[in-house]
Amino acid sequence: MCTTKNIKLDNLEIMEKFGENLGSLLQAGDVICLNGELGAGKTTLTKSIAKGMGIEDYVTSPTFSIINEYYGKLNLYHFDTYRLENVEEVSYLGFDEYFYGDGVCVIEWADRIAAFLPEEYLEINIAEDRNAELIAHGERFKNLLENI
């Protein structure tokens, strides 16, 4: 069962505040899936999530490395699947070890690997007009949406 919520991320300040709030609510094993066109704000949102998690490192897009790891009280594993040549690469890269690990996973271009995602995750679809659709997949994220 999915629960949906729509929010407007009108400007950078609102997006950062939303990301920090979301980051402060996350726990080990959470998976956040970000979808949207180039320039929609996926990496900006990830930076704010990291800040809300208390991570002080400079967060960059893992476009060419596919995964960046940031360490704190709660680790952040930042994925960018845009450049995956073949979605089956997900199996060989060990994504599931991260998904069920001790940190939080944020996945940019998550719709490209939908078949490999865990049962429970929060999907955030950012449109060109900065309307964001939040879709809770699973009970954990349904409860999380109620606190956002």
Protein backbone atom coordinates (compact mmCIF):
# COMPACT_ATOMS: atom_id res chain seq x y z
CA MET A 1 0.00 0.00 0.00
CA CYS A 2 1.31 3.43 -0.97
CA THR A 3 0.55 6.77 0.61
CA THR A 4 1.16 9.97 -1.35
CA LYS A 5 1.81 13.57 -0.35
CA ASN A 6 2.51 16.55 -2.61
CA ILE A 7 4.65 19.51 -1.63
CA LYS A 8 5.96 22.57 -3.45
CA LEU A 9 9.72 23.15 -3.28
CA ASP A 10 9.47 26.72 -4.60
CA ASN A 11 13.00 27.82 -3.90
CA LEU A 12 16.37 26.72 -2.57
CA GLU A 13 15.56 27.69 1.01
CA ILE A 14 12.37 25.59 1.07
CA MET A 15 14.13 22.62 -0.55
CA GLU A 16 16.98 22.79 1.96
CA LYS A 17 14.61 23.06 4.91
CA PHE A 18 12.60 20.09 3.65
CA GLY A 19 15.77 18.02 3.13
CA GLU A 20 17.15 18.85 6.56
CA ASN A 21 13.85 17.96 8.20
CA LEU A 22 13.69 14.67 6.30
CA GLY A 23 17.32 13.89 7.15
CA SER A 24 16.66 14.42 10.84
CA LEU A 25 13.89 11.78 10.75
CA LEU A 26 15.84 9.03 8.98
CA GLN A 27 17.21 5.88 10.56
CA ALA A 28 19.46 2.97 9.58
CA GLY A 29 18.06 0.97 6.69
CA ASP A 30 16.00 3.81 5.21
CA VAL A 31 16.05 4.18 1.43
CA ILE A 32 15.14 7.47 -0.26
CA CYS A 33 14.58 7.38 -4.03
CA LEU A 34 14.88 10.62 -5.99
CA ASN A 35 13.57 11.01 -9.52
CA GLY A 36 13.44 14.05 -11.77
CA GLU A 37 15.04 15.52 -14.85
CA LEU A 38 18.58 16.90 -14.93
CA GLY A 39 18.71 20.03 -12.78
CA ALA A 40 15.55 19.17 -10.82
CA GLY A 41 17.40 19.42 -7.49
CA LYS A 42 18.15 15.79 -6.61
CA THR A 43 21.73 16.46 -5.49
CA THR A 44 20.73 19.67 -3.70
CA LEU A 45 18.11 17.72 -1.80
CA THR A 46 20.66 15.02 -0.95
CA LYS A 47 23.04 17.66 0.44
CA SER A 48 20.26 18.93 2.70
CA ILE A 49 19.32 15.41 3.82
CA ALA A 50 22.98 14.84 4.75
CA LYS A 51 23.02 18.09 6.73
CA GLY A 52 19.85 17.03 8.57
CA MET A 53 21.58 13.74 9.40
CA GLY A 54 24.48 15.68 10.95
CA ILE A 55 26.96 14.88 8.17
CA GLU A 56 29.45 17.70 7.73
CA ASP A 57 31.30 16.41 4.63
CA TYR A 58 30.93 18.20 1.31
CA VAL A 59 28.34 16.16 -0.61
CA THR A 60 28.74 15.84 -4.37
CA SER A 61 26.94 13.88 -7.04
CA PRO A 62 28.39 10.39 -7.57
CA THR A 63 27.64 10.58 -11.30
CA PHE A 64 30.88 8.88 -12.33
CA SER A 65 31.65 6.88 -9.20
CA ILE A 66 28.04 5.63 -8.83
CA ILE A 67 28.27 5.55 -4.99
CA ASN A 68 29.65 8.12 -2.54
CA GLU A 69 29.84 7.23 1.14
CA TYR A 70 29.62 9.79 3.95
CA TYR A 71 30.23 8.87 7.56
CA GLY A 72 28.60 10.18 10.71
CA LYS A 73 26.54 8.84 13.59
CA LEU A 74 24.41 7.48 10.78
CA ASN A 75 26.16 6.82 7.47
CA LEU A 76 24.84 8.09 4.15
CA TYR A 77 25.26 6.12 0.94
CA HIS A 78 24.55 8.36 -2.05
CA PHE A 79 23.88 6.61 -5.37
CA ASP A 80 23.53 8.00 -8.87
CA THR A 81 22.32 5.37 -11.33
CA TYR A 82 22.10 7.72 -14.34
CA ARG A 83 25.22 6.31 -16.00
CA LEU A 84 24.58 2.62 -15.41
CA GLU A 85 24.89 0.97 -18.81
CA ASN A 86 22.81 -2.02 -17.81
CA VAL A 87 20.47 -2.16 -14.81
CA GLU A 88 21.63 -5.70 -14.08
CA GLU A 89 24.90 -4.09 -12.93
CA VAL A 90 23.03 -3.37 -9.69
CA SER A 91 23.35 -7.05 -8.77
CA TYR A 92 27.11 -7.07 -9.33
CA LEU A 93 27.73 -3.79 -7.54
CA GLY A 94 26.22 -5.06 -4.28
CA PHE A 95 23.55 -2.39 -3.88
CA ASP A 96 21.49 -4.73 -1.69
CA GLU A 97 24.27 -4.75 0.91
CA TYR A 98 23.78 -1.00 1.23
CA PHE A 99 19.96 -1.18 1.12
CA TYR A 100 19.88 -3.55 4.08
CA GLY A 101 22.91 -2.11 5.85
CA ASP A 102 23.55 0.21 8.75
CA GLY A 103 23.09 3.54 6.97
CA VAL A 104 20.68 5.57 4.88
CA CYS A 105 20.63 5.21 1.09
CA VAL A 106 19.70 8.10 -1.18
CA ILE A 107 19.38 7.06 -4.81
CA GLU A 108 19.26 9.56 -7.66
CA TRP A 109 17.54 8.30 -10.83
CA ALA A 110 16.02 5.49 -8.75
CA ASP A 111 13.35 4.80 -11.35
CA ARG A 112 16.11 3.23 -13.49
CA ILE A 113 16.60 0.45 -10.91
CA ALA A 114 13.03 0.07 -9.65
CA ALA A 115 13.13 -3.73 -9.96
CA PHE A 116 16.03 -3.89 -7.49
CA LEU A 117 14.66 -1.61 -4.76
CA PRO A 118 13.68 -3.00 -1.36
CA GLU A 119 10.00 -3.37 -0.47
CA GLU A 120 9.98 -0.26 1.71
CA TYR A 121 11.29 3.13 0.60
CA LEU A 122 10.31 6.76 0.16
CA GLU A 123 10.05 7.89 -3.44
CA ILE A 124 10.36 11.60 -4.21
CA ASN A 125 9.50 12.66 -7.76
CA ILE A 126 10.53 16.26 -8.48
CA ALA A 127 8.83 17.91 -11.46
CA GLU A 128 10.20 20.81 -13.50
CA ASP A 129 7.84 23.22 -11.71
CA ARG A 130 9.35 22.06 -8.37
CA ASN A 131 6.22 20.22 -7.34
CA ALA A 132 7.36 17.13 -5.49
CA GLU A 133 5.32 13.98 -5.14
CA LEU A 134 6.27 11.91 -2.09
CA ILE A 135 5.21 8.27 -2.26
CA ALA A 136 5.58 6.08 0.82
CA HIS A 137 6.19 2.43 0.00
CA GLY A 138 5.63 0.52 3.23
CA GLU A 139 4.48 1.26 6.76
CA ARG A 140 7.75 2.87 7.91
CA PHE A 141 7.52 5.54 5.24
CA LYS A 142 3.78 6.03 5.62
CA ASN A 143 4.51 6.98 9.24
CA LEU A 144 7.43 9.15 8.13
CA LEU A 145 5.20 11.10 5.72
CA GLU A 146 2.89 11.95 8.59
CA ASN A 147 5.81 13.73 10.30
CA ILE A 148 6.88 15.76 7.27
